[in-house]
Structure formats: C-alpha cells, structure tokens
Amino acid sequence: MRHSWSTTYVAPVLARRATPDRRYKKRWIVANPVSNQLFLTRLHKRRYRLAKSVETVDSYIAARSAPVRATLEALREFVHKTLPEAAEGMKWGAPVFFNASGNPIVYLYGGVDHANLGFLHGAQLDDPDRILKGNGVSGRHVKFYPDEAISKVTLEKLLRQCAKLK
C-alpha cells in the first residue's frame, strides 16, 4: 500500500528534558510516511511565546523606535489630511485605514529601520512614477526611511484612487 502526504500518522512523543517537577511533557509529532520526515505541531509554551497583540494605533506606533515612530506619525497625519473621511483601526496586527464603505484600503507597518505605507489594492492603482513596490496578487507598498522626504503629490494621488475603490 502506497501512502500519500495526506495519509499521516500522529503520535505523542515524550520530551527529552523533564520539567522542574520531574514529569515529562507530551509533544505531538506528525510523521510523513512517504519521506519519513517529522514535523513538530505542538511546541513548548515557554520556548515559543507569541508576541503580545497591540490594541490601538497609538500603542502600535509607540512600540516602535524613535525614528520609525516619527515616520509613522507623519504618514498617519498625511493619510488623515488627504482622506478626512477615512476611519482608522487595527486589523491584522497593524494600523489600517478604511474608506467610506468600510473596506480596508491602506495600512501602516513599522519595521526596524523603516516604515511602510501599504495599499491593499495597489495592483489596481495607476502608478506612472512606479513608486509602489511588491509583486503580490493585489497588495503594494511604499517604503520610507526616517531620513527620506515623503513625496506627497504622488502619494496623494494614490490615496485618492484608493478611496474610490470598493
């Protein structure tokens, strides 16, 4: 009988090290019978902690480094100035701006040394200056470093196009 990838075996496996109270923790291993590979599906909680979720836009921006924080605040102010009807909120762990229909159109991302202004439907936008980067199906972004100036004319055109999208 030949096994395919969809045919997997799941078995509990004892961890190699004991916990302080000398009991062993169970970890679940999924085995692929075709290639004999093992995949760890349940990891030790102390070792792999998830990052705390951010609840507000202000706390997201405050958690970034000082130069990136200033860039994010400038981009946030620019989006509010260009699209006064846009509502802001948190979605996917990042600040997102919604158009009048309530659809997400633009997001902010704060990296280690830069900030992104992302357009969720950037592939549909007319970008003659080719400032949008990315090769995804629909999303595009513009990357800003703290020492660079923001090209407001081109960004304003792109934001106005986004506001008209459904």
N, C-alpha and C. Protein backbone atom coordinates (compact mmCIF):
# COMPACT_ATOMS: atom_id res chain seq x y z
N MET A 1 0.85 -1.18 0.00
CA MET A 1 0.00 0.00 0.00
C MET A 1 0.88 1.24 0.00
N ARG A 2 0.63 2.13 -0.91
CA ARG A 2 1.42 3.34 -1.02
C ARG A 2 0.72 4.46 -0.26
N HIS A 3 1.50 5.19 0.56
CA HIS A 3 0.95 6.29 1.33
C HIS A 3 1.20 7.60 0.61
N SER A 4 0.26 8.52 0.73
CA SER A 4 0.46 9.86 0.19
C SER A 4 0.66 10.82 1.34
N TRP A 5 0.93 12.07 1.01
CA TRP A 5 1.16 13.08 2.04
C TRP A 5 -0.07 13.27 2.91
N SER A 6 -1.25 13.07 2.34
CA SER A 6 -2.47 13.25 3.13
C SER A 6 -2.63 12.15 4.18
N THR A 7 -1.96 11.02 3.99
CA THR A 7 -2.00 9.95 4.97
C THR A 7 -0.87 10.17 5.97
N THR A 8 -1.20 10.68 7.13
CA THR A 8 -0.18 10.98 8.13
C THR A 8 -0.49 10.24 9.41
N TYR A 9 0.53 10.01 10.19
CA TYR A 9 0.38 9.38 11.48
C TYR A 9 0.69 10.40 12.56
N VAL A 10 -0.13 10.43 13.58
CA VAL A 10 0.08 11.35 14.69
C VAL A 10 0.34 10.54 15.93
N ALA A 11 1.40 10.88 16.64
CA ALA A 11 1.75 10.13 17.84
C ALA A 11 2.31 11.05 18.90
N PRO A 12 1.96 10.85 20.17
CA PRO A 12 2.56 11.66 21.23
C PRO A 12 3.99 11.17 21.49
N VAL A 13 4.88 12.10 21.72
CA VAL A 13 6.27 11.77 21.96
C VAL A 13 6.69 12.47 23.25
N LEU A 14 7.44 11.78 24.09
CA LEU A 14 7.90 12.40 25.33
C LEU A 14 9.06 13.34 25.04
N ALA A 15 9.06 14.48 25.73
CA ALA A 15 10.16 15.43 25.57
C ALA A 15 11.43 14.86 26.17
N ARG A 16 12.58 15.31 25.71
CA ARG A 16 13.84 14.79 26.20
C ARG A 16 14.19 15.27 27.59
N ARG A 17 13.77 16.47 27.95
CA ARG A 17 14.10 17.01 29.26
C ARG A 17 12.86 17.03 30.15
N ALA A 18 13.09 16.78 31.39
CA ALA A 18 11.98 16.79 32.34
C ALA A 18 11.72 18.22 32.80
N THR A 19 10.50 18.49 33.20
CA THR A 19 10.16 19.78 33.79
C THR A 19 10.68 19.80 35.22
N PRO A 20 10.66 20.95 35.90
CA PRO A 20 11.17 21.01 37.27
C PRO A 20 10.52 20.01 38.23
N ASP A 21 9.28 19.66 38.00
CA ASP A 21 8.64 18.69 38.88
C ASP A 21 8.86 17.24 38.40
N ARG A 22 9.79 17.04 37.49
CA ARG A 22 10.24 15.73 37.01
C ARG A 22 9.20 14.97 36.19
N ARG A 23 8.20 15.66 35.70
CA ARG A 23 7.26 15.00 34.80
C ARG A 23 7.60 15.40 33.36
N TYR A 24 7.40 14.51 32.45
CA TYR A 24 7.70 14.79 31.05
C TYR A 24 6.48 15.40 30.37
N LYS A 25 6.75 16.35 29.46
CA LYS A 25 5.69 16.98 28.68
C LYS A 25 5.48 16.19 27.40
N LYS A 26 4.23 16.14 26.93
CA LYS A 26 3.96 15.49 25.66
C LYS A 26 4.05 16.52 24.55
N ARG A 27 4.64 16.13 23.44
CA ARG A 27 4.65 16.94 22.24
C ARG A 27 4.07 16.08 21.13
N TRP A 28 3.30 16.69 20.28
CA TRP A 28 2.68 15.93 19.21
C TRP A 28 3.53 16.03 17.96
N ILE A 29 3.82 14.90 17.37
CA ILE A 29 4.63 14.82 16.17
C ILE A 29 3.77 14.26 15.04
N VAL A 30 3.82 14.90 13.88
CA VAL A 30 3.14 14.38 12.69
C VAL A 30 4.21 13.78 11.80
N ALA A 31 4.03 12.53 11.43
CA ALA A 31 5.02 11.84 10.60
C ALA A 31 4.50 11.70 9.18
N ASN A 32 5.34 12.06 8.21
CA ASN A 32 5.02 11.86 6.81
C ASN A 32 5.58 10.51 6.39
N PRO A 33 4.74 9.52 6.10
CA PRO A 33 5.25 8.17 5.81
C PRO A 33 6.02 8.08 4.49
N VAL A 34 5.81 9.02 3.58
CA VAL A 34 6.49 8.96 2.29
C VAL A 34 7.96 9.33 2.44
N SER A 35 8.24 10.46 3.11
CA SER A 35 9.62 10.92 3.21
C SER A 35 10.23 10.69 4.59
N ASN A 36 9.47 10.09 5.50
CA ASN A 36 9.94 9.84 6.86
C ASN A 36 10.38 11.11 7.58
N GLN A 37 9.73 12.22 7.28
CA GLN A 37 10.04 13.48 7.96
C GLN A 37 9.10 13.65 9.15
N LEU A 38 9.59 14.30 10.18
CA LEU A 38 8.77 14.58 11.36
C LEU A 38 8.55 16.08 11.47
N PHE A 39 7.34 16.47 11.80
CA PHE A 39 7.01 17.87 11.96
C PHE A 39 6.43 18.08 13.35
N LEU A 40 7.00 18.98 14.09
CA LEU A 40 6.54 19.28 15.43
C LEU A 40 5.32 20.20 15.33
N THR A 41 4.20 19.76 15.85
CA THR A 41 2.98 20.55 15.72
C THR A 41 2.58 21.27 16.99
N ARG A 42 3.01 20.80 18.15
CA ARG A 42 2.70 21.48 19.39
C ARG A 42 4.02 21.75 20.11
N LEU A 43 4.34 23.01 20.28
CA LEU A 43 5.64 23.38 20.82
C LEU A 43 5.55 23.76 22.28
N HIS A 44 6.67 23.74 22.93
CA HIS A 44 6.75 24.09 24.34
C HIS A 44 6.37 25.56 24.51
N LYS A 45 5.46 25.86 25.42
CA LYS A 45 4.93 27.21 25.55
C LYS A 45 5.97 28.22 26.00
N ARG A 46 6.86 27.84 26.91
CA ARG A 46 7.84 28.80 27.39
C ARG A 46 8.86 29.16 26.31
N ARG A 47 9.10 28.26 25.41
CA ARG A 47 10.13 28.47 24.40
C ARG A 47 9.65 29.35 23.25
N TYR A 48 8.41 29.17 22.84
CA TYR A 48 7.88 29.90 21.71
C TYR A 48 6.66 30.69 22.15
N ARG A 49 6.89 31.87 22.67
CA ARG A 49 5.78 32.72 23.09
C ARG A 49 5.36 33.63 21.95
N LEU A 50 4.09 33.83 21.82
CA LEU A 50 3.59 34.74 20.81
C LEU A 50 3.74 36.18 21.29
N ALA A 51 3.95 37.09 20.35
CA ALA A 51 4.06 38.50 20.71
C ALA A 51 2.71 39.00 21.21
N LYS A 52 2.75 39.93 22.14
CA LYS A 52 1.51 40.49 22.65
C LYS A 52 0.80 41.27 21.56
N SER A 53 -0.50 41.10 21.46
CA SER A 53 -1.24 41.82 20.44
C SER A 53 -1.42 43.27 20.87
N VAL A 54 -1.35 44.16 19.91
CA VAL A 54 -1.48 45.58 20.15
C VAL A 54 -2.93 45.95 19.89
N GLU A 55 -3.50 46.74 20.78
CA GLU A 55 -4.93 47.01 20.69
C GLU A 55 -5.28 48.34 20.02
N THR A 56 -4.38 49.33 20.06
CA THR A 56 -4.70 50.63 19.48
C THR A 56 -3.58 51.07 18.54
N VAL A 57 -3.91 52.01 17.68
CA VAL A 57 -2.93 52.55 16.74
C VAL A 57 -1.84 53.29 17.50
N ASP A 58 -2.23 54.03 18.54
CA ASP A 58 -1.24 54.78 19.33
C ASP A 58 -0.24 53.84 20.00
N SER A 59 -0.70 52.73 20.55
CA SER A 59 0.22 51.80 21.19
C SER A 59 1.11 51.09 20.17
N TYR A 60 0.59 50.85 18.95
CA TYR A 60 1.41 50.26 17.89
C TYR A 60 2.56 51.19 17.53
N ILE A 61 2.24 52.47 17.34
CA ILE A 61 3.27 53.44 16.97
C ILE A 61 4.25 53.66 18.12
N ALA A 62 3.75 53.70 19.34
CA ALA A 62 4.61 53.92 20.50
C ALA A 62 5.60 52.78 20.72
N ALA A 63 5.29 51.59 20.23
CA ALA A 63 6.16 50.43 20.42
C ALA A 63 7.34 50.42 19.45
N ARG A 64 7.39 51.32 18.51
CA ARG A 64 8.47 51.36 17.52
C ARG A 64 9.61 52.27 17.99
N SER A 65 10.75 52.16 17.31
CA SER A 65 11.90 53.01 17.65
C SER A 65 11.59 54.46 17.31
N ALA A 66 12.33 55.39 17.90
CA ALA A 66 12.04 56.82 17.76
C ALA A 66 12.03 57.30 16.31
N PRO A 67 13.02 56.95 15.47
CA PRO A 67 12.96 57.44 14.09
C PRO A 67 11.78 56.86 13.29
N VAL A 68 11.50 55.58 13.49
CA VAL A 68 10.38 54.95 12.79
C VAL A 68 9.06 55.50 13.31
N ARG A 69 9.00 55.77 14.61
CA ARG A 69 7.79 56.34 15.21
C ARG A 69 7.46 57.69 14.58
N ALA A 70 8.47 58.52 14.37
CA ALA A 70 8.23 59.84 13.75
C ALA A 70 7.73 59.68 12.32
N THR A 71 8.27 58.73 11.59
CA THR A 71 7.83 58.48 10.21
C THR A 71 6.40 57.97 10.18
N LEU A 72 6.07 57.04 11.09
CA LEU A 72 4.70 56.52 11.15
C LEU A 72 3.69 57.61 11.51
N GLU A 73 4.06 58.48 12.45
CA GLU A 73 3.16 59.58 12.83
C GLU A 73 2.95 60.54 11.67
N ALA A 74 4.02 60.82 10.90
CA ALA A 74 3.88 61.70 9.74
C ALA A 74 2.99 61.07 8.67
N LEU A 75 3.16 59.76 8.45
CA LEU A 75 2.32 59.07 7.47
C LEU A 75 0.86 59.02 7.92
N ARG A 76 0.65 58.79 9.19
CA ARG A 76 -0.71 58.74 9.74
C ARG A 76 -1.40 60.10 9.57
N GLU A 77 -0.68 61.16 9.89
CA GLU A 77 -1.23 62.51 9.74
C GLU A 77 -1.51 62.82 8.28
N PHE A 78 -0.62 62.38 7.38
CA PHE A 78 -0.81 62.62 5.96
C PHE A 78 -2.04 61.90 5.43
N VAL A 79 -2.27 60.66 5.86
CA VAL A 79 -3.45 59.92 5.41
C VAL A 79 -4.72 60.60 5.91
N HIS A 80 -4.73 61.05 7.17
CA HIS A 80 -5.92 61.74 7.71
C HIS A 80 -6.17 63.06 7.01
N LYS A 81 -5.09 63.74 6.64
CA LYS A 81 -5.23 65.03 5.95
C LYS A 81 -5.73 64.83 4.52
N THR A 82 -5.24 63.80 3.85
CA THR A 82 -5.65 63.53 2.47
C THR A 82 -7.04 62.92 2.39
N LEU A 83 -7.34 62.01 3.31
CA LEU A 83 -8.65 61.33 3.33
C LEU A 83 -9.34 61.60 4.67
N PRO A 84 -9.97 62.75 4.84
CA PRO A 84 -10.58 63.06 6.13
C PRO A 84 -11.75 62.13 6.49
N GLU A 85 -12.36 61.49 5.49
CA GLU A 85 -13.48 60.59 5.76
C GLU A 85 -13.02 59.18 6.13
N ALA A 86 -11.73 58.92 6.04
CA ALA A 86 -11.21 57.58 6.34
C ALA A 86 -11.20 57.33 7.84
N ALA A 87 -11.65 56.15 8.21
CA ALA A 87 -11.62 55.73 9.62
C ALA A 87 -10.39 54.86 9.83
N GLU A 88 -9.82 54.92 11.01
CA GLU A 88 -8.65 54.10 11.30
C GLU A 88 -8.97 53.09 12.38
N GLY A 89 -8.27 51.99 12.33
CA GLY A 89 -8.44 50.94 13.31
C GLY A 89 -7.30 49.94 13.19
N MET A 90 -7.38 48.89 14.01
CA MET A 90 -6.36 47.85 13.97
C MET A 90 -6.94 46.61 13.29
N LYS A 91 -6.18 46.04 12.38
CA LYS A 91 -6.56 44.80 11.70
C LYS A 91 -5.28 44.10 11.30
N TRP A 92 -5.21 42.80 11.48
CA TRP A 92 -4.03 42.01 11.17
C TRP A 92 -2.81 42.47 11.98
N GLY A 93 -3.03 43.06 13.13
CA GLY A 93 -1.93 43.50 13.98
C GLY A 93 -1.27 44.78 13.53
N ALA A 94 -1.89 45.54 12.65
CA ALA A 94 -1.30 46.78 12.13
C ALA A 94 -2.39 47.84 11.99
N PRO A 95 -2.00 49.11 11.99
CA PRO A 95 -2.98 50.18 11.76
C PRO A 95 -3.50 50.13 10.32
N VAL A 96 -4.82 50.19 10.18
CA VAL A 96 -5.46 50.11 8.86
C VAL A 96 -6.43 51.27 8.74
N PHE A 97 -6.53 51.83 7.54
CA PHE A 97 -7.47 52.90 7.25
C PHE A 97 -8.55 52.35 6.34
N PHE A 98 -9.81 52.70 6.66
CA PHE A 98 -10.97 52.19 5.94
C PHE A 98 -11.61 53.32 5.14
N ASN A 99 -12.12 53.00 3.94
CA ASN A 99 -12.81 54.02 3.15
C ASN A 99 -14.23 54.22 3.66
N ALA A 100 -15.01 55.05 2.97
CA ALA A 100 -16.37 55.36 3.42
C ALA A 100 -17.26 54.12 3.42
N SER A 101 -16.96 53.12 2.59
CA SER A 101 -17.74 51.89 2.55
C SER A 101 -17.38 50.93 3.68
N GLY A 102 -16.31 51.24 4.41
CA GLY A 102 -15.88 50.38 5.50
C GLY A 102 -14.88 49.31 5.08
N ASN A 103 -14.37 49.41 3.85
CA ASN A 103 -13.39 48.45 3.36
C ASN A 103 -11.97 48.93 3.68
N PRO A 104 -11.10 48.04 4.11
CA PRO A 104 -9.71 48.45 4.37
C PRO A 104 -9.00 48.77 3.06
N ILE A 105 -8.30 49.92 3.03
CA ILE A 105 -7.64 50.33 1.79
C ILE A 105 -6.14 50.56 1.98
N VAL A 106 -5.73 51.04 3.15
CA VAL A 106 -4.34 51.41 3.38
C VAL A 106 -3.94 50.91 4.76
N TYR A 107 -2.68 50.48 4.91
CA TYR A 107 -2.18 50.08 6.22
C TYR A 107 -0.81 50.69 6.47
N LEU A 108 -0.43 50.75 7.71
CA LEU A 108 0.90 51.21 8.12
C LEU A 108 1.66 50.03 8.72
N TYR A 109 2.95 49.99 8.47
CA TYR A 109 3.80 48.96 9.06
C TYR A 109 5.08 49.62 9.52
N GLY A 110 5.47 49.35 10.76
CA GLY A 110 6.71 49.87 11.30
C GLY A 110 7.74 48.79 11.44
N GLY A 111 8.78 48.84 10.63
CA GLY A 111 9.86 47.86 10.69
C GLY A 111 10.94 48.31 11.67
N VAL A 112 12.09 47.67 11.61
CA VAL A 112 13.19 48.02 12.49
C VAL A 112 13.79 49.37 12.12
N ASP A 113 13.99 49.60 10.81
CA ASP A 113 14.62 50.84 10.37
C ASP A 113 13.82 51.60 9.32
N HIS A 114 12.58 51.19 9.06
CA HIS A 114 11.77 51.86 8.05
C HIS A 114 10.29 51.71 8.39
N ALA A 115 9.47 52.44 7.63
CA ALA A 115 8.01 52.34 7.75
C ALA A 115 7.44 52.12 6.35
N ASN A 116 6.39 51.33 6.28
CA ASN A 116 5.70 51.08 5.01
C ASN A 116 4.32 51.70 5.05
N LEU A 117 3.93 52.28 3.93
CA LEU A 117 2.54 52.66 3.69
C LEU A 117 2.05 51.67 2.65
N GLY A 118 1.18 50.77 3.05
CA GLY A 118 0.74 49.70 2.17
C GLY A 118 -0.63 49.97 1.59
N PHE A 119 -0.79 49.60 0.33
CA PHE A 119 -2.05 49.75 -0.38
C PHE A 119 -2.57 48.34 -0.64
N LEU A 120 -3.72 48.01 -0.04
CA LEU A 120 -4.24 46.65 -0.13
C LEU A 120 -4.64 46.27 -1.55
N HIS A 121 -5.03 47.26 -2.36
CA HIS A 121 -5.39 47.01 -3.76
C HIS A 121 -4.45 47.80 -4.67
N GLY A 122 -3.18 47.79 -4.34
CA GLY A 122 -2.19 48.58 -5.07
C GLY A 122 -1.99 48.15 -6.50
N ALA A 123 -2.26 46.89 -6.83
CA ALA A 123 -2.09 46.43 -8.20
C ALA A 123 -3.11 47.07 -9.14
N GLN A 124 -4.22 47.54 -8.59
CA GLN A 124 -5.27 48.16 -9.41
C GLN A 124 -5.04 49.65 -9.61
N LEU A 125 -4.07 50.23 -8.92
CA LEU A 125 -3.86 51.67 -8.97
C LEU A 125 -3.00 52.06 -10.15
N ASP A 126 -3.25 53.27 -10.66
CA ASP A 126 -2.43 53.84 -11.72
C ASP A 126 -1.21 54.49 -11.07
N ASP A 127 -0.03 53.95 -11.36
CA ASP A 127 1.22 54.41 -10.73
C ASP A 127 2.23 54.76 -11.82
N PRO A 128 2.12 55.97 -12.43
CA PRO A 128 3.06 56.31 -13.51
C PRO A 128 4.50 56.52 -13.02
N ASP A 129 4.69 56.92 -11.78
CA ASP A 129 6.04 57.14 -11.24
C ASP A 129 6.68 55.86 -10.73
N ARG A 130 5.92 54.79 -10.69
CA ARG A 130 6.40 53.47 -10.24
C ARG A 130 7.05 53.52 -8.85
N ILE A 131 6.33 54.12 -7.90
CA ILE A 131 6.85 54.14 -6.52
C ILE A 131 6.33 52.96 -5.72
N LEU A 132 5.29 52.31 -6.21
CA LEU A 132 4.75 51.15 -5.50
C LEU A 132 5.65 49.94 -5.71
N LYS A 133 5.96 49.25 -4.63
CA LYS A 133 6.81 48.06 -4.68
C LYS A 133 6.00 46.85 -4.26
N GLY A 134 6.46 45.68 -4.63
CA GLY A 134 5.80 44.44 -4.26
C GLY A 134 5.34 43.70 -5.50
N ASN A 135 5.23 42.40 -5.38
CA ASN A 135 4.81 41.59 -6.52
C ASN A 135 3.70 40.62 -6.13
N GLY A 136 2.94 40.98 -5.11
CA GLY A 136 1.82 40.14 -4.71
C GLY A 136 0.67 40.25 -5.68
N VAL A 137 -0.37 39.49 -5.43
CA VAL A 137 -1.53 39.48 -6.31
C VAL A 137 -2.21 40.84 -6.33
N SER A 138 -2.41 41.45 -5.16
CA SER A 138 -3.12 42.73 -5.14
C SER A 138 -2.41 43.82 -4.35
N GLY A 139 -1.66 43.49 -3.33
CA GLY A 139 -1.07 44.50 -2.46
C GLY A 139 0.23 45.07 -2.97
N ARG A 140 0.45 46.34 -2.67
CA ARG A 140 1.70 47.04 -2.96
C ARG A 140 2.02 47.94 -1.77
N HIS A 141 3.25 48.40 -1.67
CA HIS A 141 3.63 49.27 -0.57
C HIS A 141 4.69 50.26 -1.02
N VAL A 142 4.85 51.31 -0.23
CA VAL A 142 5.90 52.29 -0.41
C VAL A 142 6.71 52.28 0.87
N LYS A 143 8.02 52.14 0.75
CA LYS A 143 8.90 52.05 1.91
C LYS A 143 9.51 53.42 2.18
N PHE A 144 9.46 53.84 3.45
CA PHE A 144 10.01 55.14 3.85
C PHE A 144 11.06 54.92 4.94
N TYR A 145 12.21 55.53 4.74
CA TYR A 145 13.25 55.52 5.76
C TYR A 145 13.19 56.86 6.49
N PRO A 146 13.58 56.91 7.77
CA PRO A 146 13.43 58.14 8.55
C PRO A 146 14.12 59.36 7.97
N ASP A 147 15.23 59.19 7.26
CA ASP A 147 15.95 60.36 6.74
C ASP A 147 15.47 60.80 5.35
N GLU A 148 14.49 60.12 4.78
CA GLU A 148 13.98 60.47 3.46
C GLU A 148 12.73 61.33 3.56
N ALA A 149 12.56 62.20 2.56
CA ALA A 149 11.37 63.03 2.49
C ALA A 149 10.23 62.24 1.86
N ILE A 150 9.01 62.58 2.22
CA ILE A 150 7.83 61.90 1.69
C ILE A 150 7.35 62.66 0.45
N SER A 151 7.24 61.98 -0.69
CA SER A 151 6.74 62.60 -1.93
C SER A 151 5.23 62.70 -1.84
N LYS A 152 4.75 63.84 -1.42
CA LYS A 152 3.34 63.99 -1.09
C LYS A 152 2.42 64.03 -2.30
N VAL A 153 2.86 64.56 -3.41
CA VAL A 153 1.98 64.70 -4.58
C VAL A 153 1.58 63.33 -5.11
N THR A 154 2.55 62.47 -5.31
CA THR A 154 2.27 61.13 -5.85
C THR A 154 1.45 60.31 -4.85
N LEU A 155 1.81 60.38 -3.57
CA LEU A 155 1.06 59.64 -2.56
C LEU A 155 -0.38 60.11 -2.45
N GLU A 156 -0.58 61.40 -2.59
CA GLU A 156 -1.94 61.94 -2.51
C GLU A 156 -2.80 61.38 -3.65
N LYS A 157 -2.23 61.29 -4.86
CA LYS A 157 -2.97 60.71 -5.99
C LYS A 157 -3.32 59.25 -5.73
N LEU A 158 -2.36 58.50 -5.20
CA LEU A 158 -2.61 57.09 -4.92
C LEU A 158 -3.68 56.91 -3.83
N LEU A 159 -3.61 57.73 -2.79
CA LEU A 159 -4.61 57.63 -1.71
C LEU A 159 -6.01 57.97 -2.21
N ARG A 160 -6.11 58.98 -3.07
CA ARG A 160 -7.43 59.35 -3.61
C ARG A 160 -7.98 58.25 -4.51
N GLN A 161 -7.11 57.56 -5.24
CA GLN A 161 -7.57 56.43 -6.04
C GLN A 161 -8.08 55.30 -5.14
N CYS A 162 -7.38 55.07 -4.03
CA CYS A 162 -7.80 54.02 -3.09
C CYS A 162 -9.16 54.32 -2.48
N ALA A 163 -9.42 55.57 -2.20
CA ALA A 163 -10.69 55.94 -1.57
C ALA A 163 -11.86 55.64 -2.49
N LYS A 164 -11.63 55.67 -3.79
CA LYS A 164 -12.71 55.42 -4.75
C LYS A 164 -12.97 53.93 -4.99
N LEU A 165 -12.02 53.07 -4.58
CA LEU A 165 -12.20 51.64 -4.78
C LEU A 165 -13.29 51.10 -3.85
N LYS A 166 -13.94 50.02 -4.28
CA LYS A 166 -14.99 49.41 -3.47
C LYS A 166 -14.41 48.40 -2.55
